[in-house]
């Protein structure tokens, strides 16, 4: 047995390097798109893996061929045929052009099939009724409205397990991107427009969502908690908000429009069922957006009106 002080043999370094490389590839995926929680995330991961395999079919032989060419035609190999006046080969041209054409065809087919199968506007097939969640991106926080239950939350998205969720997404400020890596597709939140997205979580867990579009000083804090819970627990969560949470009306919403950073999860009772439509149609004026000269620490009021 090798002692703890004995240096690793030369033959052990390739194995260690391979293990480190495998860990480097797998560890980030444990909480990302390669560890999906629902049907959309699983479809996205499948496309990513399939596209990678198709490209590796080209990349790996090309790398091997490059090393083989360097070894085969090295200066010391007198047996290698030398053709100084060679200029054209129909067979080589056919191979050179057929490989990228086949690659484009395979990857294009994967994308074409996936773009129809994972259409963000298409409802998910399920026996459970669809939950409607209206999403508003603000500076620098997320507002989630549950119109079916008359509740809302800031920087916290709670969904029942196994239930398809239909997101209606808009922005009250600048462009942002709504993205929950383990659930699936990323889609823009745009002022004056409504985007649609259907997602589903198939197991109870707590993950995170974020904005993938830079939007100013508070962008790095523009993340939100995502909790997928059993249906009974989701019902208790709604009941607690209806019973004890503060009211979300247009006056409170005006406070949310102000730029603020690191806003903790907050829940509200919704008294204006038309709030989302008023934001999406800009019947309510949009927020100021990130502006030059604004202090990165200005406007850190909490959504309930307190100080953080």
C-alpha atoms as a PDB file:
ATOM      1  CA  UNK A   1       0.000   0.000   0.000  1.00  0.00           C
ATOM      2  CA  UNK A   2       1.288   3.483  -0.866  1.00  0.00           C
ATOM      3  CA  UNK A   3       1.894   5.597   2.217  1.00  0.00           C
ATOM      4  CA  UNK A   4       0.261   8.975   2.690  1.00  0.00           C
ATOM      5  CA  UNK A   5       3.591  10.721   2.156  1.00  0.00           C
ATOM      6  CA  UNK A   6       4.496   8.871  -1.039  1.00  0.00           C
ATOM      7  CA  UNK A   7       4.020  11.036  -4.159  1.00  0.00           C
ATOM      8  CA  UNK A   8       1.469   9.984  -6.751  1.00  0.00           C
ATOM      9  CA  UNK A   9       3.026   7.950  -9.548  1.00  0.00           C
ATOM     10  CA  UNK A  10       3.092   9.289 -13.085  1.00  0.00           C
ATOM     11  CA  UNK A  11       0.542   6.676 -14.135  1.00  0.00           C
ATOM     12  CA  UNK A  12      -1.917   8.033 -11.556  1.00  0.00           C
ATOM     13  CA  UNK A  13      -2.048  11.581 -12.895  1.00  0.00           C
ATOM     14  CA  UNK A  14      -4.218  10.819 -15.967  1.00  0.00           C
ATOM     15  CA  UNK A  15      -6.804   9.109 -13.751  1.00  0.00           C
ATOM     16  CA  UNK A  16      -6.819  12.026 -11.326  1.00  0.00           C
ATOM     17  CA  UNK A  17      -7.153  14.491 -14.200  1.00  0.00           C
ATOM     18  CA  UNK A  18     -10.055  12.534 -15.670  1.00  0.00           C
ATOM     19  CA  UNK A  19     -11.801  12.412 -12.294  1.00  0.00           C
ATOM     20  CA  UNK A  20     -11.356  16.148 -11.730  1.00  0.00           C
ATOM     21  CA  UNK A  21     -12.642  16.879 -15.213  1.00  0.00           C
ATOM     22  CA  UNK A  22     -15.710  14.693 -14.643  1.00  0.00           C
ATOM     23  CA  UNK A  23     -16.441  16.477 -11.351  1.00  0.00           C
ATOM     24  CA  UNK A  24     -16.008  19.875 -12.987  1.00  0.00           C
ATOM     25  CA  UNK A  25     -18.625  18.936 -15.584  1.00  0.00           C
ATOM     26  CA  UNK A  26     -21.090  17.258 -13.231  1.00  0.00           C
ATOM     27  CA  UNK A  27     -21.073  19.463 -10.140  1.00  0.00           C
ATOM     28  CA  UNK A  28     -22.489  22.618 -11.821  1.00  0.00           C
ATOM     29  CA  UNK A  29     -25.221  20.521 -13.431  1.00  0.00           C
ATOM     30  CA  UNK A  30     -26.453  19.208 -10.072  1.00  0.00           C
ATOM     31  CA  UNK A  31     -28.453  22.394  -9.501  1.00  0.00           C
ATOM     32  CA  UNK A  32     -28.887  23.464 -13.123  1.00  0.00           C
ATOM     33  CA  UNK A  33     -30.403  22.471 -16.428  1.00  0.00           C
ATOM     34  CA  UNK A  34     -28.920  18.952 -16.378  1.00  0.00           C
ATOM     35  CA  UNK A  35     -30.819  18.112 -13.197  1.00  0.00           C
ATOM     36  CA  UNK A  36     -34.405  18.924 -14.263  1.00  0.00           C
ATOM     37  CA  UNK A  37     -37.488  18.754 -12.062  1.00  0.00           C
ATOM     38  CA  UNK A  38     -40.265  18.769 -14.645  1.00  0.00           C
ATOM     39  CA  UNK A  39     -41.195  17.810 -18.218  1.00  0.00           C
ATOM     40  CA  UNK A  40     -40.016  21.070 -19.787  1.00  0.00           C
ATOM     41  CA  UNK A  41     -36.676  20.985 -17.978  1.00  0.00           C
ATOM     42  CA  UNK A  42     -36.235  17.334 -18.973  1.00  0.00           C
ATOM     43  CA  UNK A  43     -36.910  18.219 -22.613  1.00  0.00           C
ATOM     44  CA  UNK A  44     -34.400  21.074 -22.520  1.00  0.00           C
ATOM     45  CA  UNK A  45     -31.761  18.810 -20.953  1.00  0.00           C
ATOM     46  CA  UNK A  46     -32.397  16.140 -23.600  1.00  0.00           C
ATOM     47  CA  UNK A  47     -31.847  18.641 -26.419  1.00  0.00           C
ATOM     48  CA  UNK A  48     -28.645  19.904 -24.792  1.00  0.00           C
ATOM     49  CA  UNK A  49     -27.241  16.384 -24.350  1.00  0.00           C
ATOM     50  CA  UNK A  50     -28.252  15.249 -27.854  1.00  0.00           C
ATOM     51  CA  UNK A  51     -26.737  18.351 -29.477  1.00  0.00           C
ATOM     52  CA  UNK A  52     -23.520  17.849 -27.506  1.00  0.00           C
ATOM     53  CA  UNK A  53     -23.284  14.211 -28.620  1.00  0.00           C
ATOM     54  CA  UNK A  54     -23.810  15.184 -32.278  1.00  0.00           C
ATOM     55  CA  UNK A  55     -21.042  17.788 -32.054  1.00  0.00           C
ATOM     56  CA  UNK A  56     -18.687  15.417 -30.224  1.00  0.00           C
ATOM     57  CA  UNK A  57     -19.103  12.912 -33.063  1.00  0.00           C
ATOM     58  CA  UNK A  58     -17.396  15.559 -35.210  1.00  0.00           C
ATOM     59  CA  UNK A  59     -15.031  17.100 -32.695  1.00  0.00           C
ATOM     60  CA  UNK A  60     -13.448  13.947 -31.260  1.00  0.00           C
ATOM     61  CA  UNK A  61     -12.486  12.345 -34.622  1.00  0.00           C
ATOM     62  CA  UNK A  62     -11.170  15.732 -35.804  1.00  0.00           C
ATOM     63  CA  UNK A  63      -8.900  16.048 -32.767  1.00  0.00           C
ATOM     64  CA  UNK A  64      -7.706  12.455 -33.138  1.00  0.00           C
ATOM     65  CA  UNK A  65      -7.064  13.002 -36.855  1.00  0.00           C
ATOM     66  CA  UNK A  66      -5.062  16.170 -36.151  1.00  0.00           C
ATOM     67  CA  UNK A  67      -2.728  14.292 -33.799  1.00  0.00           C
ATOM     68  CA  UNK A  68      -2.509  11.365 -36.226  1.00  0.00           C
ATOM     69  CA  UNK A  69      -1.568  13.690 -39.095  1.00  0.00           C
ATOM     70  CA  UNK A  70       1.163  15.330 -37.020  1.00  0.00           C
ATOM     71  CA  UNK A  71       2.558  11.910 -36.066  1.00  0.00           C
ATOM     72  CA  UNK A  72       2.174  10.309 -39.491  1.00  0.00           C
ATOM     73  CA  UNK A  73       3.869  13.132 -41.389  1.00  0.00           C
ATOM     74  CA  UNK A  74       6.566  14.032 -38.890  1.00  0.00           C
ATOM     75  CA  UNK A  75       9.984  14.865 -40.360  1.00  0.00           C
ATOM     76  CA  UNK A  76      11.578  11.634 -39.119  1.00  0.00           C
ATOM     77  CA  UNK A  77       9.017   9.369 -40.829  1.00  0.00           C
ATOM     78  CA  UNK A  78      10.596   8.671 -44.212  1.00  0.00           C
ATOM     79  CA  UNK A  79       7.845   6.208 -45.141  1.00  0.00           C
ATOM     80  CA  UNK A  80       5.148   8.885 -45.314  1.00  0.00           C
ATOM     81  CA  UNK A  81       4.292   9.753 -48.895  1.00  0.00           C
ATOM     82  CA  UNK A  82       5.244  13.306 -49.861  1.00  0.00           C
ATOM     83  CA  UNK A  83       3.219  14.971 -52.621  1.00  0.00           C
ATOM     84  CA  UNK A  84       4.518  18.531 -53.085  1.00  0.00           C
ATOM     85  CA  UNK A  85       2.364  19.249 -56.130  1.00  0.00           C
ATOM     86  CA  UNK A  86      -0.902  17.777 -54.803  1.00  0.00           C
ATOM     87  CA  UNK A  87      -3.705  20.366 -54.990  1.00  0.00           C
ATOM     88  CA  UNK A  88      -7.126  18.674 -55.157  1.00  0.00           C
ATOM     89  CA  UNK A  89      -8.935  15.514 -54.091  1.00  0.00           C
ATOM     90  CA  UNK A  90     -12.601  14.959 -54.833  1.00  0.00           C
ATOM     91  CA  UNK A  91     -12.923  12.414 -52.041  1.00  0.00           C
ATOM     92  CA  UNK A  92     -11.435  14.781 -49.452  1.00  0.00           C
ATOM     93  CA  UNK A  93     -13.683  17.609 -50.639  1.00  0.00           C
ATOM     94  CA  UNK A  94     -16.729  15.341 -50.333  1.00  0.00           C
ATOM     95  CA  UNK A  95     -15.807  14.411 -46.769  1.00  0.00           C
ATOM     96  CA  UNK A  96     -14.952  17.994 -45.790  1.00  0.00           C
ATOM     97  CA  UNK A  97     -18.297  19.339 -47.009  1.00  0.00           C
ATOM     98  CA  UNK A  98     -20.503  16.394 -46.036  1.00  0.00           C
ATOM     99  CA  UNK A  99     -19.520  16.486 -42.351  1.00  0.00           C
ATOM    100  CA  UNK A 100     -20.730  20.043 -41.609  1.00  0.00           C
ATOM    101  CA  UNK A 101     -23.823  19.490 -43.765  1.00  0.00           C
ATOM    102  CA  UNK A 102     -24.749  16.380 -41.790  1.00  0.00           C
ATOM    103  CA  UNK A 103     -24.035  18.197 -38.530  1.00  0.00           C
ATOM    104  CA  UNK A 104     -26.344  21.061 -39.500  1.00  0.00           C
ATOM    105  CA  UNK A 105     -29.042  18.604 -40.533  1.00  0.00           C
ATOM    106  CA  UNK A 106     -28.905  16.626 -37.285  1.00  0.00           C
ATOM    107  CA  UNK A 107     -28.733  19.650 -34.972  1.00  0.00           C
ATOM    108  CA  UNK A 108     -31.332  21.499 -37.043  1.00  0.00           C
ATOM    109  CA  UNK A 109     -33.651  18.509 -36.734  1.00  0.00           C
ATOM    110  CA  UNK A 110     -33.206  18.411 -32.963  1.00  0.00           C
ATOM    111  CA  UNK A 111     -33.958  22.122 -32.707  1.00  0.00           C
ATOM    112  CA  UNK A 112     -36.962  21.919 -35.043  1.00  0.00           C
ATOM    113  CA  UNK A 113     -38.504  19.042 -33.090  1.00  0.00           C
ATOM    114  CA  UNK A 114     -37.704  20.640 -29.725  1.00  0.00           C
ATOM    115  CA  UNK A 115     -39.069  24.043 -30.703  1.00  0.00           C
ATOM    116  CA  UNK A 116     -42.464  22.477 -31.417  1.00  0.00           C
ATOM    117  CA  UNK A 117     -42.445  20.006 -28.545  1.00  0.00           C
ATOM    118  CA  UNK A 118     -41.365  22.645 -25.997  1.00  0.00           C
ATOM    119  CA  UNK A 119     -43.324  25.614 -27.339  1.00  0.00           C
ATOM    120  CA  UNK A 120     -43.584  27.916 -24.276  1.00  0.00           C
ATOM    121  CA  UNK A 121     -47.108  28.976 -25.313  1.00  0.00           C
ATOM    122  CA  UNK A 122     -48.352  25.365 -25.517  1.00  0.00           C
ATOM    123  CA  UNK A 123     -50.177  24.069 -22.399  1.00  0.00           C
ATOM    124  CA  UNK A 124     -48.757  21.003 -20.664  1.00  0.00           C
ATOM    125  CA  UNK A 125     -50.753  17.802 -20.735  1.00  0.00           C
ATOM    126  CA  UNK A 126     -51.949  16.971 -17.220  1.00  0.00           C
ATOM    127  CA  UNK A 127     -54.974  15.743 -15.298  1.00  0.00           C
ATOM    128  CA  UNK A 128     -54.465  18.538 -12.778  1.00  0.00           C
ATOM    129  CA  UNK A 129     -56.057  21.953 -13.431  1.00  0.00           C
ATOM    130  CA  UNK A 130     -53.592  24.607 -14.545  1.00  0.00           C
ATOM    131  CA  UNK A 131     -52.432  27.197 -12.019  1.00  0.00           C
ATOM    132  CA  UNK A 132     -52.281  30.770 -13.330  1.00  0.00           C
ATOM    133  CA  UNK A 133     -49.363  32.916 -12.153  1.00  0.00           C
ATOM    134  CA  UNK A 134     -48.853  36.480 -13.381  1.00  0.00           C
ATOM    135  CA  UNK A 135     -45.250  37.674 -13.241  1.00  0.00           C
ATOM    136  CA  UNK A 136     -44.042  41.282 -13.175  1.00  0.00           C
ATOM    137  CA  UNK A 137     -40.335  42.104 -13.272  1.00  0.00           C
ATOM    138  CA  UNK A 138     -39.415  45.199 -11.258  1.00  0.00           C
ATOM    139  CA  UNK A 139     -36.181  46.951 -10.275  1.00  0.00           C
ATOM    140  CA  UNK A 140     -34.743  44.706  -8.822  1.00  0.00           C
ATOM    141  CA  UNK A 141     -37.245  42.123  -7.697  1.00  0.00           C
ATOM    142  CA  UNK A 142     -40.020  39.868  -8.972  1.00  0.00           C
ATOM    143  CA  UNK A 143     -43.744  40.164  -8.272  1.00  0.00           C
ATOM    144  CA  UNK A 144     -45.889  37.014  -8.546  1.00  0.00           C
ATOM    145  CA  UNK A 145     -49.683  37.354  -8.649  1.00  0.00           C
ATOM    146  CA  UNK A 146     -52.057  34.400  -8.191  1.00  0.00           C
ATOM    147  CA  UNK A 147     -55.343  35.741  -9.631  1.00  0.00           C
ATOM    148  CA  UNK A 148     -57.260  32.517  -8.890  1.00  0.00           C
ATOM    149  CA  UNK A 149     -56.607  32.939  -5.160  1.00  0.00           C
ATOM    150  CA  UNK A 150     -56.318  36.705  -4.747  1.00  0.00           C
ATOM    151  CA  UNK A 151     -52.781  36.590  -3.337  1.00  0.00           C
ATOM    152  CA  UNK A 152     -49.361  37.829  -4.431  1.00  0.00           C
ATOM    153  CA  UNK A 153     -45.744  37.519  -3.376  1.00  0.00           C
ATOM    154  CA  UNK A 154     -42.443  39.268  -3.971  1.00  0.00           C
ATOM    155  CA  UNK A 155     -39.283  37.231  -4.624  1.00  0.00           C
ATOM    156  CA  UNK A 156     -41.010  33.968  -3.714  1.00  0.00           C
ATOM    157  CA  UNK A 157     -42.773  31.610  -6.101  1.00  0.00           C
ATOM    158  CA  UNK A 158     -44.732  28.752  -4.524  1.00  0.00           C
ATOM    159  CA  UNK A 159     -46.310  26.090  -6.766  1.00  0.00           C
ATOM    160  CA  UNK A 160     -48.042  22.770  -6.019  1.00  0.00           C
ATOM    161  CA  UNK A 161     -46.202  19.614  -7.061  1.00  0.00           C
ATOM    162  CA  UNK A 162     -47.410  17.943 -10.261  1.00  0.00           C
ATOM    163  CA  UNK A 163     -49.530  20.922 -11.295  1.00  0.00           C
ATOM    164  CA  UNK A 164     -48.915  22.666 -14.619  1.00  0.00           C
ATOM    165  CA  UNK A 165     -48.318  26.388 -14.177  1.00  0.00           C
ATOM    166  CA  UNK A 166     -49.221  28.945 -16.812  1.00  0.00           C
ATOM    167  CA  UNK A 167     -47.064  32.053 -16.447  1.00  0.00           C
ATOM    168  CA  UNK A 168     -48.090  35.390 -17.942  1.00  0.00           C
ATOM    169  CA  UNK A 169     -44.960  37.536 -17.871  1.00  0.00           C
ATOM    170  CA  UNK A 170     -44.427  41.266 -18.328  1.00  0.00           C
ATOM    171  CA  UNK A 171     -42.084  43.990 -17.137  1.00  0.00           C
ATOM    172  CA  UNK A 172     -42.820  47.231 -15.326  1.00  0.00           C
ATOM    173  CA  UNK A 173     -39.390  48.578 -16.205  1.00  0.00           C
ATOM    174  CA  UNK A 174     -36.666  47.431 -18.601  1.00  0.00           C
ATOM    175  CA  UNK A 175     -36.247  44.102 -20.391  1.00  0.00           C
ATOM    176  CA  UNK A 176     -35.578  41.161 -18.089  1.00  0.00           C
ATOM    177  CA  UNK A 177     -35.405  37.411 -18.557  1.00  0.00           C
ATOM    178  CA  UNK A 178     -37.454  35.014 -16.435  1.00  0.00           C
ATOM    179  CA  UNK A 179     -35.508  31.805 -15.855  1.00  0.00           C
ATOM    180  CA  UNK A 180     -35.830  28.862 -13.457  1.00  0.00           C
ATOM    181  CA  UNK A 181     -32.940  26.619 -14.596  1.00  0.00           C
ATOM    182  CA  UNK A 182     -34.229  23.323 -13.185  1.00  0.00           C
ATOM    183  CA  UNK A 183     -37.792  23.794 -14.463  1.00  0.00           C
ATOM    184  CA  UNK A 184     -37.049  24.822 -18.026  1.00  0.00           C
ATOM    185  CA  UNK A 185     -37.275  27.433 -20.702  1.00  0.00           C
ATOM    186  CA  UNK A 186     -36.021  30.993 -20.323  1.00  0.00           C
ATOM    187  CA  UNK A 187     -38.260  33.762 -21.687  1.00  0.00           C
ATOM    188  CA  UNK A 188     -38.197  37.557 -21.857  1.00  0.00           C
ATOM    189  CA  UNK A 189     -40.199  39.881 -19.650  1.00  0.00           C
ATOM    190  CA  UNK A 190     -40.907  42.920 -21.833  1.00  0.00           C
ATOM    191  CA  UNK A 191     -42.617  46.211 -20.978  1.00  0.00           C
ATOM    192  CA  UNK A 192     -45.963  46.706 -22.680  1.00  0.00           C
ATOM    193  CA  UNK A 193     -46.137  43.031 -23.732  1.00  0.00           C
ATOM    194  CA  UNK A 194     -47.142  39.700 -22.206  1.00  0.00           C
ATOM    195  CA  UNK A 195     -45.098  36.526 -22.729  1.00  0.00           C
ATOM    196  CA  UNK A 196     -46.444  33.069 -21.965  1.00  0.00           C
ATOM    197  CA  UNK A 197     -44.648  30.124 -20.420  1.00  0.00           C
ATOM    198  CA  UNK A 198     -45.815  26.728 -19.127  1.00  0.00           C
ATOM    199  CA  UNK A 199     -43.747  24.865 -16.528  1.00  0.00           C
ATOM    200  CA  UNK A 200     -44.276  22.090 -14.004  1.00  0.00           C
ATOM    201  CA  UNK A 201     -42.394  20.781 -10.954  1.00  0.00           C
ATOM    202  CA  UNK A 202     -42.715  17.038 -10.425  1.00  0.00           C
ATOM    203  CA  UNK A 203     -41.216  16.728  -6.935  1.00  0.00           C
ATOM    204  CA  UNK A 204     -41.162  18.784  -3.712  1.00  0.00           C
ATOM    205  CA  UNK A 205     -38.041  20.906  -3.426  1.00  0.00           C
ATOM    206  CA  UNK A 206     -36.681  24.412  -2.966  1.00  0.00           C
ATOM    207  CA  UNK A 207     -34.727  25.879  -5.860  1.00  0.00           C
ATOM    208  CA  UNK A 208     -34.078  29.341  -7.266  1.00  0.00           C
ATOM    209  CA  UNK A 209     -34.973  31.499 -10.222  1.00  0.00           C
ATOM    210  CA  UNK A 210     -33.277  34.535 -11.644  1.00  0.00           C
ATOM    211  CA  UNK A 211     -33.112  37.205 -14.305  1.00  0.00           C
ATOM    212  CA  UNK A 212     -30.590  36.409 -17.029  1.00  0.00           C
ATOM    213  CA  UNK A 213     -30.733  39.917 -18.538  1.00  0.00           C
ATOM    214  CA  UNK A 214     -28.464  42.603 -17.078  1.00  0.00           C
ATOM    215  CA  UNK A 215     -30.639  45.474 -15.842  1.00  0.00           C
ATOM    216  CA  UNK A 216     -28.482  47.776 -13.730  1.00  0.00           C
ATOM    217  CA  UNK A 217     -26.942  48.038 -10.282  1.00  0.00           C
ATOM    218  CA  UNK A 218     -29.244  45.575  -8.520  1.00  0.00           C
ATOM    219  CA  UNK A 219     -29.124  42.879 -11.190  1.00  0.00           C
ATOM    220  CA  UNK A 220     -26.995  40.500  -9.099  1.00  0.00           C
ATOM    221  CA  UNK A 221     -29.698  40.421  -6.403  1.00  0.00           C
ATOM    222  CA  UNK A 222     -32.598  39.878  -8.802  1.00  0.00           C
ATOM    223  CA  UNK A 223     -33.198  36.283  -7.762  1.00  0.00           C
ATOM    224  CA  UNK A 224     -36.207  34.604  -6.209  1.00  0.00           C
ATOM    225  CA  UNK A 225     -37.003  31.485  -4.221  1.00  0.00           C
ATOM    226  CA  UNK A 226     -39.008  28.720  -5.878  1.00  0.00           C
ATOM    227  CA  UNK A 227     -40.789  26.215  -3.633  1.00  0.00           C
ATOM    228  CA  UNK A 228     -42.694  23.258  -5.049  1.00  0.00           C
ATOM    229  CA  UNK A 229     -44.865  21.856  -2.274  1.00  0.00           C
ATOM    230  CA  UNK A 230     -47.678  19.283  -1.903  1.00  0.00           C
ATOM    231  CA  UNK A 231     -51.138  20.577  -2.717  1.00  0.00           C
ATOM    232  CA  UNK A 232     -52.224  20.645   0.933  1.00  0.00           C
ATOM    233  CA  UNK A 233     -49.214  22.758   1.921  1.00  0.00           C
ATOM    234  CA  UNK A 234     -49.884  25.113  -0.993  1.00  0.00           C
ATOM    235  CA  UNK A 235     -53.443  25.552   0.289  1.00  0.00           C
ATOM    236  CA  UNK A 236     -52.150  26.402   3.777  1.00  0.00           C
ATOM    237  CA  UNK A 237     -49.743  28.936   2.262  1.00  0.00           C
ATOM    238  CA  UNK A 238     -52.611  30.651   0.428  1.00  0.00           C
ATOM    239  CA  UNK A 239     -54.844  30.616   3.519  1.00  0.00           C
ATOM    240  CA  UNK A 240     -52.124  32.212   5.670  1.00  0.00           C
ATOM    241  CA  UNK A 241     -51.723  35.036   3.180  1.00  0.00           C
ATOM    242  CA  UNK A 242     -55.451  35.664   2.911  1.00  0.00           C
ATOM    243  CA  UNK A 243     -55.712  35.729   6.698  1.00  0.00           C
ATOM    244  CA  UNK A 244     -52.716  37.765   7.801  1.00  0.00           C
ATOM    245  CA  UNK A 245     -50.819  39.373   4.913  1.00  0.00           C
ATOM    246  CA  UNK A 246     -50.918  43.099   4.092  1.00  0.00           C
ATOM    247  CA  UNK A 247     -52.931  44.377   1.140  1.00  0.00           C
ATOM    248  CA  UNK A 248     -51.470  44.887  -2.315  1.00  0.00           C
ATOM    249  CA  UNK A 249     -53.199  47.784  -4.044  1.00  0.00           C
ATOM    250  CA  UNK A 250     -52.041  50.434  -6.479  1.00  0.00           C
ATOM    251  CA  UNK A 251     -50.497  52.533  -3.711  1.00  0.00           C
ATOM    252  CA  UNK A 252     -48.381  49.622  -2.437  1.00  0.00           C
ATOM    253  CA  UNK A 253     -47.524  48.727  -6.013  1.00  0.00           C
ATOM    254  CA  UNK A 254     -46.246  52.280  -6.545  1.00  0.00           C
ATOM    255  CA  UNK A 255     -43.802  51.607  -3.698  1.00  0.00           C
ATOM    256  CA  UNK A 256     -42.668  48.386  -5.363  1.00  0.00           C
ATOM    257  CA  UNK A 257     -41.888  50.340  -8.522  1.00  0.00           C
ATOM    258  CA  UNK A 258     -39.110  52.184  -6.718  1.00  0.00           C
ATOM    259  CA  UNK A 259     -35.679  50.680  -7.208  1.00  0.00           C
ATOM    260  CA  UNK A 260     -34.672  48.476  -4.276  1.00  0.00           C
ATOM    261  CA  UNK A 261     -32.150  45.711  -3.699  1.00  0.00           C
ATOM    262  CA  UNK A 262     -32.048  42.510  -1.658  1.00  0.00           C
ATOM    263  CA  UNK A 263     -35.784  42.608  -0.970  1.00  0.00           C
ATOM    264  CA  UNK A 264     -36.787  39.623   1.226  1.00  0.00           C
ATOM    265  CA  UNK A 265     -39.741  37.398   0.279  1.00  0.00           C
ATOM    266  CA  UNK A 266     -43.002  39.185   1.099  1.00  0.00           C
ATOM    267  CA  UNK A 267     -46.650  38.141   0.688  1.00  0.00           C
ATOM    268  CA  UNK A 268     -49.789  40.223   0.010  1.00  0.00           C
ATOM    269  CA  UNK A 269     -53.542  39.990  -0.286  1.00  0.00           C
ATOM    270  CA  UNK A 270     -54.577  41.175  -3.730  1.00  0.00           C
ATOM    271  CA  UNK A 271     -57.465  43.650  -3.755  1.00  0.00           C
ATOM    272  CA  UNK A 272     -57.233  44.724  -7.396  1.00  0.00           C
ATOM    273  CA  UNK A 273     -57.720  41.747  -9.768  1.00  0.00           C
ATOM    274  CA  UNK A 274     -56.904  43.982 -12.740  1.00  0.00           C
ATOM    275  CA  UNK A 275     -53.466  44.996 -11.470  1.00  0.00           C
ATOM    276  CA  UNK A 276     -51.491  42.805 -13.868  1.00  0.00           C
ATOM    277  CA  UNK A 277     -53.477  43.938 -16.903  1.00  0.00           C
ATOM    278  CA  UNK A 278     -52.951  47.559 -15.891  1.00  0.00           C
ATOM    279  CA  UNK A 279     -49.191  46.947 -15.697  1.00  0.00           C
ATOM    280  CA  UNK A 280     -49.029  45.004 -18.970  1.00  0.00           C
ATOM    281  CA  UNK A 281     -51.014  47.620 -20.913  1.00  0.00           C
ATOM    282  CA  UNK A 282     -49.098  50.411 -19.155  1.00  0.00           C
ATOM    283  CA  UNK A 283     -52.307  51.897 -17.816  1.00  0.00           C
ATOM    284  CA  UNK A 284     -50.138  52.193 -14.717  1.00  0.00           C
ATOM    285  CA  UNK A 285     -46.987  54.172 -15.582  1.00  0.00           C
ATOM    286  CA  UNK A 286     -43.851  52.016 -15.825  1.00  0.00           C
ATOM    287  CA  UNK A 287     -41.006  52.289 -13.340  1.00  0.00           C
ATOM    288  CA  UNK A 288     -38.105  54.675 -13.885  1.00  0.00           C
ATOM    289  CA  UNK A 289     -35.651  51.912 -14.801  1.00  0.00           C
ATOM    290  CA  UNK A 290     -31.918  52.048 -14.107  1.00  0.00           C
ATOM    291  CA  UNK A 291     -30.811  55.630 -14.734  1.00  0.00           C
ATOM    292  CA  UNK A 292     -27.315  57.206 -14.823  1.00  0.00           C
ATOM    293  CA  UNK A 293     -26.417  58.940 -11.590  1.00  0.00           C
ATOM    294  CA  UNK A 294     -28.653  56.810  -9.363  1.00  0.00           C
ATOM    295  CA  UNK A 295     -26.892  55.570  -6.256  1.00  0.00           C
ATOM    296  CA  UNK A 296     -26.654  51.756  -6.160  1.00  0.00           C
ATOM    297  CA  UNK A 297     -27.834  51.964  -2.530  1.00  0.00           C
ATOM    298  CA  UNK A 298     -30.768  54.299  -3.110  1.00  0.00           C
ATOM    299  CA  UNK A 299     -34.356  53.233  -2.649  1.00  0.00           C
ATOM    300  CA  UNK A 300     -33.834  50.127  -0.540  1.00  0.00           C
ATOM    301  CA  UNK A 301     -37.253  50.405   0.987  1.00  0.00           C
ATOM    302  CA  UNK A 302     -38.976  47.110   1.446  1.00  0.00           C
ATOM    303  CA  UNK A 303     -42.118  46.429  -0.496  1.00  0.00           C
ATOM    304  CA  UNK A 304     -44.186  46.887   2.686  1.00  0.00           C
ATOM    305  CA  UNK A 305     -42.741  50.360   3.166  1.00  0.00           C
ATOM    306  CA  UNK A 306     -40.134  49.609   5.864  1.00  0.00           C
ATOM    307  CA  UNK A 307     -36.363  49.855   5.815  1.00  0.00           C
ATOM    308  CA  UNK A 308     -34.068  46.914   5.249  1.00  0.00           C
END
